[in-house]
Amino acid sequence: MTAIEGSIALVTGGQRGIGKAFVDQLLARGARKVYATARDPHPSDDPRLETLFLDVTHGYSVADVAERARDVDIVINNAGVLHPAPLLTGDLAQVFATFDTNVYGPLRVAQAFAPVLADNGGGALVNIHSFLSWAAGSGAYGASKAALWSLTNSLRIELAAQHTQVVGVHLGFADTEMVAAIPTQKIAPTDVARIVLDGVENGESEVLVDDVTRTFKAALAGPVEDLVLPALRR
């Protein structure tokens, strides 16, 4: 279990959407300091909040942030991109870009911050997946989240020796700018952050945020046809 009160945390993609909700919730729960990263960071008047430039697709950028934020004990891998084009007809450059941000980005962050977390007692690494890790039909985005889920499960084993709590988070669509054009039921980012941080403090390894996520997780035990998104079923 990792306590939020008194902690020092870093949130990638922390200045909008779910990332900003994580930052706000961490501070509300008594985090001593939060680093919020972005590719276009803007300063904050809150002395507990430090904004940093980070592009998770570049190793040197990740290394710079890890060197600057050597006091963190919670890392939340939230930064991501959404390119929903079909795999067969989509631009391969977008497929590569999706994996570079959604899979290799969190891995770069995990590699850079593992020694930092170890030096600070273990702490927690939180990776934001999606119910689309299991639901078929969302092209490269879903495939990247499935890869991140697998990566998280392996990181959990590799980081166990240094007592780092690794938390995989799955959720449906949150009410953010990224999915504003998708007409579907959405969960408030503040609710996502609250549920996830509850899970961190309760020592959970996996957090299923909402009912749609729990439905698809249960469907993994059945026929693969049951994993198709409802809108694509015939």
C-alpha atoms as a PDB file:
ATOM      1  CA  MET A   1       0.000   0.000   0.000  1.00  0.00           C
ATOM      2  CA  THR A   2       1.187   3.508  -0.827  1.00  0.00           C
ATOM      3  CA  ALA A   3       0.000   6.505   1.176  1.00  0.00           C
ATOM      4  CA  ILE A   4      -1.005   9.635  -0.729  1.00  0.00           C
ATOM      5  CA  GLU A   5      -0.709  12.050   2.187  1.00  0.00           C
ATOM      6  CA  GLY A   6       2.818  13.372   2.409  1.00  0.00           C
ATOM      7  CA  SER A   7       3.849  11.767  -0.891  1.00  0.00           C
ATOM      8  CA  ILE A   8       5.613  13.328  -3.856  1.00  0.00           C
ATOM      9  CA  ALA A   9       4.068  12.336  -7.173  1.00  0.00           C
ATOM     10  CA  LEU A  10       4.612  12.768 -10.889  1.00  0.00           C
ATOM     11  CA  VAL A  11       1.778  12.676 -13.425  1.00  0.00           C
ATOM     12  CA  THR A  12       2.528  12.495 -17.133  1.00  0.00           C
ATOM     13  CA  GLY A  13       0.055  14.423 -19.253  1.00  0.00           C
ATOM     14  CA  GLY A  14      -0.857  16.164 -16.025  1.00  0.00           C
ATOM     15  CA  GLN A  15      -2.254  19.484 -17.230  1.00  0.00           C
ATOM     16  CA  ARG A  16      -5.537  18.431 -18.810  1.00  0.00           C
ATOM     17  CA  GLY A  17      -8.155  15.692 -18.786  1.00  0.00           C
ATOM     18  CA  ILE A  18      -7.620  12.729 -16.490  1.00  0.00           C
ATOM     19  CA  GLY A  19      -4.064  13.830 -15.764  1.00  0.00           C
ATOM     20  CA  LYS A  20      -5.207  17.151 -14.329  1.00  0.00           C
ATOM     21  CA  ALA A  21      -7.835  15.328 -12.269  1.00  0.00           C
ATOM     22  CA  PHE A  22      -5.068  13.152 -10.823  1.00  0.00           C
ATOM     23  CA  VAL A  23      -3.015  16.222  -9.949  1.00  0.00           C
ATOM     24  CA  ASP A  24      -5.964  17.917  -8.251  1.00  0.00           C
ATOM     25  CA  GLN A  25      -6.924  14.778  -6.345  1.00  0.00           C
ATOM     26  CA  LEU A  26      -3.347  14.117  -5.194  1.00  0.00           C
ATOM     27  CA  LEU A  27      -3.071  17.636  -3.808  1.00  0.00           C
ATOM     28  CA  ALA A  28      -6.510  17.415  -2.192  1.00  0.00           C
ATOM     29  CA  ARG A  29      -5.436  14.211  -0.424  1.00  0.00           C
ATOM     30  CA  GLY A  30      -2.358  15.845   1.037  1.00  0.00           C
ATOM     31  CA  ALA A  31       0.431  15.094  -1.403  1.00  0.00           C
ATOM     32  CA  ARG A  32       3.415  17.202  -0.422  1.00  0.00           C
ATOM     33  CA  LYS A  33       4.385  17.941  -4.017  1.00  0.00           C
ATOM     34  CA  VAL A  34       3.205  17.010  -7.508  1.00  0.00           C
ATOM     35  CA  TYR A  35       5.094  17.259 -10.778  1.00  0.00           C
ATOM     36  CA  ALA A  36       2.703  17.709 -13.709  1.00  0.00           C
ATOM     37  CA  THR A  37       4.276  17.103 -17.097  1.00  0.00           C
ATOM     38  CA  ALA A  38       3.124  18.189 -20.531  1.00  0.00           C
ATOM     39  CA  ARG A  39       4.546  18.830 -23.987  1.00  0.00           C
ATOM     40  CA  ASP A  40       3.416  22.434 -23.609  1.00  0.00           C
ATOM     41  CA  PRO A  41       3.529  23.089 -19.851  1.00  0.00           C
ATOM     42  CA  HIS A  42       2.177  26.230 -18.279  1.00  0.00           C
ATOM     43  CA  PRO A  43       3.177  27.422 -14.788  1.00  0.00           C
ATOM     44  CA  SER A  44       1.060  27.151 -11.664  1.00  0.00           C
ATOM     45  CA  ASP A  45       0.630  29.530  -8.741  1.00  0.00           C
ATOM     46  CA  ASP A  46       0.343  26.579  -6.338  1.00  0.00           C
ATOM     47  CA  PRO A  47       3.733  26.139  -4.601  1.00  0.00           C
ATOM     48  CA  ARG A  48       3.023  22.412  -4.239  1.00  0.00           C
ATOM     49  CA  LEU A  49       2.792  21.984  -8.022  1.00  0.00           C
ATOM     50  CA  GLU A  50       5.732  22.020 -10.412  1.00  0.00           C
ATOM     51  CA  THR A  51       5.132  21.811 -14.148  1.00  0.00           C
ATOM     52  CA  LEU A  52       7.733  20.196 -16.395  1.00  0.00           C
ATOM     53  CA  PHE A  53       8.196  19.662 -20.118  1.00  0.00           C
ATOM     54  CA  LEU A  54       8.053  15.998 -21.085  1.00  0.00           C
ATOM     55  CA  ASP A  55       7.743  14.210 -24.393  1.00  0.00           C
ATOM     56  CA  VAL A  56       7.496  10.506 -23.561  1.00  0.00           C
ATOM     57  CA  THR A  57       8.515   9.558 -27.107  1.00  0.00           C
ATOM     58  CA  HIS A  58      12.057  10.846 -26.526  1.00  0.00           C
ATOM     59  CA  GLY A  59      14.352   9.063 -24.105  1.00  0.00           C
ATOM     60  CA  TYR A  60      16.443  12.171 -23.403  1.00  0.00           C
ATOM     61  CA  SER A  61      13.301  14.066 -22.349  1.00  0.00           C
ATOM     62  CA  VAL A  62      12.285  11.292 -19.970  1.00  0.00           C
ATOM     63  CA  ALA A  63      15.817  11.105 -18.564  1.00  0.00           C
ATOM     64  CA  ASP A  64      15.865  14.864 -17.942  1.00  0.00           C
ATOM     65  CA  VAL A  65      12.617  14.698 -15.965  1.00  0.00           C
ATOM     66  CA  ALA A  66      13.777  11.674 -13.954  1.00  0.00           C
ATOM     67  CA  GLU A  67      16.970  13.537 -13.041  1.00  0.00           C
ATOM     68  CA  ARG A  68      15.015  16.585 -11.935  1.00  0.00           C
ATOM     69  CA  ALA A  69      12.324  14.710 -10.010  1.00  0.00           C
ATOM     70  CA  ARG A  70      14.483  12.393  -7.927  1.00  0.00           C
ATOM     71  CA  ASP A  71      12.251  12.790  -4.865  1.00  0.00           C
ATOM     72  CA  VAL A  72       9.089  11.123  -6.239  1.00  0.00           C
ATOM     73  CA  ASP A  73       7.502   8.044  -4.724  1.00  0.00           C
ATOM     74  CA  ILE A  74       4.407   7.851  -6.974  1.00  0.00           C
ATOM     75  CA  VAL A  75       4.556   7.882 -10.777  1.00  0.00           C
ATOM     76  CA  ILE A  76       1.340   7.958 -12.814  1.00  0.00           C
ATOM     77  CA  ASN A  77       1.795   7.052 -16.490  1.00  0.00           C
ATOM     78  CA  ASN A  78      -1.196   8.874 -17.952  1.00  0.00           C
ATOM     79  CA  ALA A  79       0.046  10.499 -21.190  1.00  0.00           C
ATOM     80  CA  GLY A  80      -1.464   8.975 -24.319  1.00  0.00           C
ATOM     81  CA  VAL A  81      -2.719   9.578 -27.843  1.00  0.00           C
ATOM     82  CA  LEU A  82      -5.801   8.353 -29.693  1.00  0.00           C
ATOM     83  CA  HIS A  83      -5.613   7.485 -33.407  1.00  0.00           C
ATOM     84  CA  PRO A  84      -8.653   5.211 -33.970  1.00  0.00           C
ATOM     85  CA  ALA A  85      -8.053   4.340 -37.644  1.00  0.00           C
ATOM     86  CA  PRO A  86      -8.595   0.665 -38.622  1.00  0.00           C
ATOM     87  CA  LEU A  87      -5.466  -1.461 -38.670  1.00  0.00           C
ATOM     88  CA  LEU A  88      -5.787  -2.616 -42.278  1.00  0.00           C
ATOM     89  CA  THR A  89      -6.433   0.770 -43.861  1.00  0.00           C
ATOM     90  CA  GLY A  90      -4.857   3.127 -41.343  1.00  0.00           C
ATOM     91  CA  ASP A  91      -1.628   5.012 -41.860  1.00  0.00           C
ATOM     92  CA  LEU A  92       1.216   2.896 -40.467  1.00  0.00           C
ATOM     93  CA  ALA A  93       2.937   6.074 -39.323  1.00  0.00           C
ATOM     94  CA  GLN A  94       0.003   6.698 -36.977  1.00  0.00           C
ATOM     95  CA  VAL A  95       0.149   3.100 -35.759  1.00  0.00           C
ATOM     96  CA  PHE A  96       3.839   3.526 -34.925  1.00  0.00           C
ATOM     97  CA  ALA A  97       3.142   6.892 -33.268  1.00  0.00           C
ATOM     98  CA  THR A  98       0.377   5.341 -31.170  1.00  0.00           C
ATOM     99  CA  PHE A  99       2.648   2.579 -29.889  1.00  0.00           C
ATOM    100  CA  ASP A 100       5.528   4.998 -29.362  1.00  0.00           C
ATOM    101  CA  THR A 101       3.422   7.126 -27.010  1.00  0.00           C
ATOM    102  CA  ASN A 102       1.062   4.572 -25.432  1.00  0.00           C
ATOM    103  CA  VAL A 103       3.459   1.634 -24.990  1.00  0.00           C
ATOM    104  CA  TYR A 104       7.098   2.659 -25.309  1.00  0.00           C
ATOM    105  CA  GLY A 105       6.423   5.982 -23.576  1.00  0.00           C
ATOM    106  CA  PRO A 106       5.278   4.380 -20.306  1.00  0.00           C
ATOM    107  CA  LEU A 107       8.132   1.883 -20.581  1.00  0.00           C
ATOM    108  CA  ARG A 108      10.668   4.701 -20.935  1.00  0.00           C
ATOM    109  CA  VAL A 109       9.172   6.362 -17.861  1.00  0.00           C
ATOM    110  CA  ALA A 110       9.194   3.084 -15.908  1.00  0.00           C
ATOM    111  CA  GLN A 111      12.831   2.411 -16.763  1.00  0.00           C
ATOM    112  CA  ALA A 112      13.917   5.943 -15.859  1.00  0.00           C
ATOM    113  CA  PHE A 113      11.987   6.136 -12.594  1.00  0.00           C
ATOM    114  CA  ALA A 114      12.492   2.591 -11.286  1.00  0.00           C
ATOM    115  CA  PRO A 115      15.811   3.559  -9.625  1.00  0.00           C
ATOM    116  CA  VAL A 116      14.213   6.737  -8.249  1.00  0.00           C
ATOM    117  CA  LEU A 117      11.342   4.795  -6.712  1.00  0.00           C
ATOM    118  CA  ALA A 118      13.779   2.234  -5.297  1.00  0.00           C
ATOM    119  CA  ASP A 119      15.870   4.980  -3.683  1.00  0.00           C
ATOM    120  CA  ASN A 120      12.703   6.379  -2.084  1.00  0.00           C
ATOM    121  CA  GLY A 121      11.476   3.106  -0.601  1.00  0.00           C
ATOM    122  CA  GLY A 122       9.564   1.532  -3.483  1.00  0.00           C
ATOM    123  CA  GLY A 123       6.487   3.687  -3.907  1.00  0.00           C
ATOM    124  CA  ALA A 124       4.002   3.095  -6.706  1.00  0.00           C
ATOM    125  CA  LEU A 125       3.896   3.013 -10.491  1.00  0.00           C
ATOM    126  CA  VAL A 126       0.421   3.507 -11.976  1.00  0.00           C
ATOM    127  CA  ASN A 127      -0.249   2.747 -15.659  1.00  0.00           C
ATOM    128  CA  ILE A 128      -3.487   3.930 -17.280  1.00  0.00           C
ATOM    129  CA  HIS A 129      -4.912   1.303 -19.632  1.00  0.00           C
ATOM    130  CA  SER A 130      -8.466   1.090 -20.991  1.00  0.00           C
ATOM    131  CA  PHE A 131     -11.311  -1.398 -21.295  1.00  0.00           C
ATOM    132  CA  LEU A 132     -10.197  -1.337 -24.941  1.00  0.00           C
ATOM    133  CA  SER A 133      -7.213  -3.405 -23.782  1.00  0.00           C
ATOM    134  CA  TRP A 134      -9.715  -6.272 -24.007  1.00  0.00           C
ATOM    135  CA  ALA A 135     -12.426  -4.972 -26.367  1.00  0.00           C
ATOM    136  CA  ALA A 136     -11.754  -5.595 -30.059  1.00  0.00           C
ATOM    137  CA  GLY A 137     -12.493  -2.983 -32.708  1.00  0.00           C
ATOM    138  CA  SER A 138     -10.561   0.155 -31.803  1.00  0.00           C
ATOM    139  CA  GLY A 139      -7.609  -0.278 -34.143  1.00  0.00           C
ATOM    140  CA  ALA A 140      -4.116   0.673 -33.079  1.00  0.00           C
ATOM    141  CA  TYR A 141      -5.330   2.412 -29.922  1.00  0.00           C
ATOM    142  CA  GLY A 142      -6.837  -0.746 -28.445  1.00  0.00           C
ATOM    143  CA  ALA A 143      -3.862  -2.805 -29.557  1.00  0.00           C
ATOM    144  CA  SER A 144      -1.517  -0.376 -27.842  1.00  0.00           C
ATOM    145  CA  LYS A 145      -3.501  -0.531 -24.612  1.00  0.00           C
ATOM    146  CA  ALA A 146      -3.472  -4.340 -24.751  1.00  0.00           C
ATOM    147  CA  ALA A 147       0.308  -4.195 -25.108  1.00  0.00           C
ATOM    148  CA  LEU A 148       0.535  -1.783 -22.176  1.00  0.00           C
ATOM    149  CA  TRP A 149      -1.567  -4.137 -20.034  1.00  0.00           C
ATOM    150  CA  SER A 150       0.866  -6.971 -20.745  1.00  0.00           C
ATOM    151  CA  LEU A 151       3.822  -4.690 -20.117  1.00  0.00           C
ATOM    152  CA  THR A 152       2.366  -3.614 -16.765  1.00  0.00           C
ATOM    153  CA  ASN A 153       1.867  -7.199 -15.640  1.00  0.00           C
ATOM    154  CA  SER A 154       5.504  -7.989 -16.401  1.00  0.00           C
ATOM    155  CA  LEU A 155       6.758  -4.793 -14.757  1.00  0.00           C
ATOM    156  CA  ARG A 156       4.865  -5.803 -11.620  1.00  0.00           C
ATOM    157  CA  ILE A 157       7.014  -8.917 -11.386  1.00  0.00           C
ATOM    158  CA  GLU A 158      10.269  -7.137 -12.182  1.00  0.00           C
ATOM    159  CA  LEU A 159       9.642  -4.322  -9.685  1.00  0.00           C
ATOM    160  CA  ALA A 160       8.472  -6.559  -6.847  1.00  0.00           C
ATOM    161  CA  ALA A 161      12.010  -6.972  -5.477  1.00  0.00           C
ATOM    162  CA  GLN A 162      12.297  -3.234  -4.856  1.00  0.00           C
ATOM    163  CA  HIS A 163       8.828  -3.135  -3.221  1.00  0.00           C
ATOM    164  CA  THR A 164       7.239  -0.937  -5.891  1.00  0.00           C
ATOM    165  CA  GLN A 165       3.469  -1.280  -6.073  1.00  0.00           C
ATOM    166  CA  VAL A 166       2.479  -1.543  -9.752  1.00  0.00           C
ATOM    167  CA  VAL A 167      -1.138  -0.646 -10.482  1.00  0.00           C
ATOM    168  CA  GLY A 168      -2.860  -1.252 -13.811  1.00  0.00           C
ATOM    169  CA  VAL A 169      -5.939   0.893 -14.404  1.00  0.00           C
ATOM    170  CA  HIS A 170      -8.761   0.049 -16.821  1.00  0.00           C
ATOM    171  CA  LEU A 171     -11.678   2.355 -17.562  1.00  0.00           C
ATOM    172  CA  GLY A 172     -14.261   3.209 -20.176  1.00  0.00           C
ATOM    173  CA  PHE A 173     -14.525   6.612 -21.815  1.00  0.00           C
ATOM    174  CA  ALA A 174     -13.801   9.555 -19.549  1.00  0.00           C
ATOM    175  CA  ASP A 175     -15.315  12.968 -20.242  1.00  0.00           C
ATOM    176  CA  THR A 176     -12.196  14.579 -21.698  1.00  0.00           C
ATOM    177  CA  GLU A 177     -11.177  16.524 -24.775  1.00  0.00           C
ATOM    178  CA  MET A 178      -9.596  13.401 -26.296  1.00  0.00           C
ATOM    179  CA  VAL A 179     -12.948  11.627 -26.718  1.00  0.00           C
ATOM    180  CA  ALA A 180     -15.240  14.658 -26.940  1.00  0.00           C
ATOM    181  CA  ALA A 181     -16.447  13.623 -30.408  1.00  0.00           C
ATOM    182  CA  ILE A 182     -17.404  10.074 -29.377  1.00  0.00           C
ATOM    183  CA  PRO A 183     -21.146   9.896 -28.517  1.00  0.00           C
ATOM    184  CA  THR A 184     -21.193   7.518 -25.568  1.00  0.00           C
ATOM    185  CA  GLN A 185     -21.655   7.469 -21.814  1.00  0.00           C
ATOM    186  CA  LYS A 186     -18.626   8.939 -20.068  1.00  0.00           C
ATOM    187  CA  ILE A 187     -17.244   8.996 -16.552  1.00  0.00           C
ATOM    188  CA  ALA A 188     -16.055  12.208 -14.916  1.00  0.00           C
ATOM    189  CA  PRO A 189     -12.241  12.494 -14.686  1.00  0.00           C
ATOM    190  CA  THR A 190     -12.533  13.418 -11.011  1.00  0.00           C
ATOM    191  CA  ASP A 191     -14.286  10.096 -10.362  1.00  0.00           C
ATOM    192  CA  VAL A 192     -11.547   8.228 -12.232  1.00  0.00           C
ATOM    193  CA  ALA A 193      -8.816   9.859 -10.149  1.00  0.00           C
ATOM    194  CA  ARG A 194     -10.662   9.233  -6.891  1.00  0.00           C
ATOM    195  CA  ILE A 195     -11.286   5.546  -7.617  1.00  0.00           C
ATOM    196  CA  VAL A 196      -7.729   4.946  -8.791  1.00  0.00           C
ATOM    197  CA  LEU A 197      -6.096   6.643  -5.822  1.00  0.00           C
ATOM    198  CA  ASP A 198      -8.389   4.693  -3.498  1.00  0.00           C
ATOM    199  CA  GLY A 199      -7.016   1.569  -5.165  1.00  0.00           C
ATOM    200  CA  VAL A 200      -3.429   2.715  -4.716  1.00  0.00           C
ATOM    201  CA  GLU A 201      -3.981   3.360  -1.017  1.00  0.00           C
ATOM    202  CA  ASN A 202      -5.758   0.004  -0.623  1.00  0.00           C
ATOM    203  CA  GLY A 203      -2.798  -1.866  -2.092  1.00  0.00           C
ATOM    204  CA  GLU A 204      -4.567  -3.032  -5.241  1.00  0.00           C
ATOM    205  CA  SER A 205      -2.662  -4.290  -8.290  1.00  0.00           C
ATOM    206  CA  GLU A 206      -5.484  -3.642 -10.756  1.00  0.00           C
ATOM    207  CA  VAL A 207      -8.289  -1.089 -10.682  1.00  0.00           C
ATOM    208  CA  LEU A 208     -11.414  -1.569 -12.797  1.00  0.00           C
ATOM    209  CA  VAL A 209     -13.029   1.854 -12.720  1.00  0.00           C
ATOM    210  CA  ASP A 210     -16.518   1.231 -14.121  1.00  0.00           C
ATOM    211  CA  ASP A 211     -19.133  -1.338 -15.126  1.00  0.00           C
ATOM    212  CA  VAL A 212     -18.205  -1.503 -18.812  1.00  0.00           C
ATOM    213  CA  THR A 213     -14.661  -2.389 -17.813  1.00  0.00           C
ATOM    214  CA  ARG A 214     -15.807  -5.098 -15.409  1.00  0.00           C
ATOM    215  CA  THR A 215     -18.071  -6.533 -18.136  1.00  0.00           C
ATOM    216  CA  PHE A 216     -15.235  -6.890 -20.633  1.00  0.00           C
ATOM    217  CA  LYS A 217     -12.821  -8.249 -18.022  1.00  0.00           C
ATOM    218  CA  ALA A 218     -15.341 -10.993 -17.228  1.00  0.00           C
ATOM    219  CA  ALA A 219     -15.774 -11.714 -20.942  1.00  0.00           C
ATOM    220  CA  LEU A 220     -12.099 -12.693 -21.240  1.00  0.00           C
ATOM    221  CA  ALA A 221     -13.048 -16.143 -19.979  1.00  0.00           C
ATOM    222  CA  GLY A 222     -15.542 -16.658 -22.823  1.00  0.00           C
ATOM    223  CA  PRO A 223     -15.489 -16.748 -26.638  1.00  0.00           C
ATOM    224  CA  VAL A 224     -13.388 -14.085 -28.349  1.00  0.00           C
ATOM    225  CA  GLU A 225     -16.480 -13.001 -30.268  1.00  0.00           C
ATOM    226  CA  ASP A 226     -17.823 -11.571 -27.003  1.00  0.00           C
ATOM    227  CA  LEU A 227     -14.951  -9.082 -26.901  1.00  0.00           C
ATOM    228  CA  VAL A 228     -16.165  -7.085 -29.904  1.00  0.00           C
ATOM    229  CA  LEU A 229     -17.359  -3.561 -29.155  1.00  0.00           C
ATOM    230  CA  PRO A 230     -21.202  -3.522 -29.058  1.00  0.00           C
ATOM    231  CA  ALA A 231     -21.428  -0.957 -31.886  1.00  0.00           C
ATOM    232  CA  LEU A 232     -19.512  -3.351 -34.197  1.00  0.00           C
ATOM    233  CA  ARG A 233     -21.453  -6.536 -33.439  1.00  0.00           C
ATOM    234  CA  ARG A 234     -23.638  -8.020 -36.167  1.00  0.00           C
END
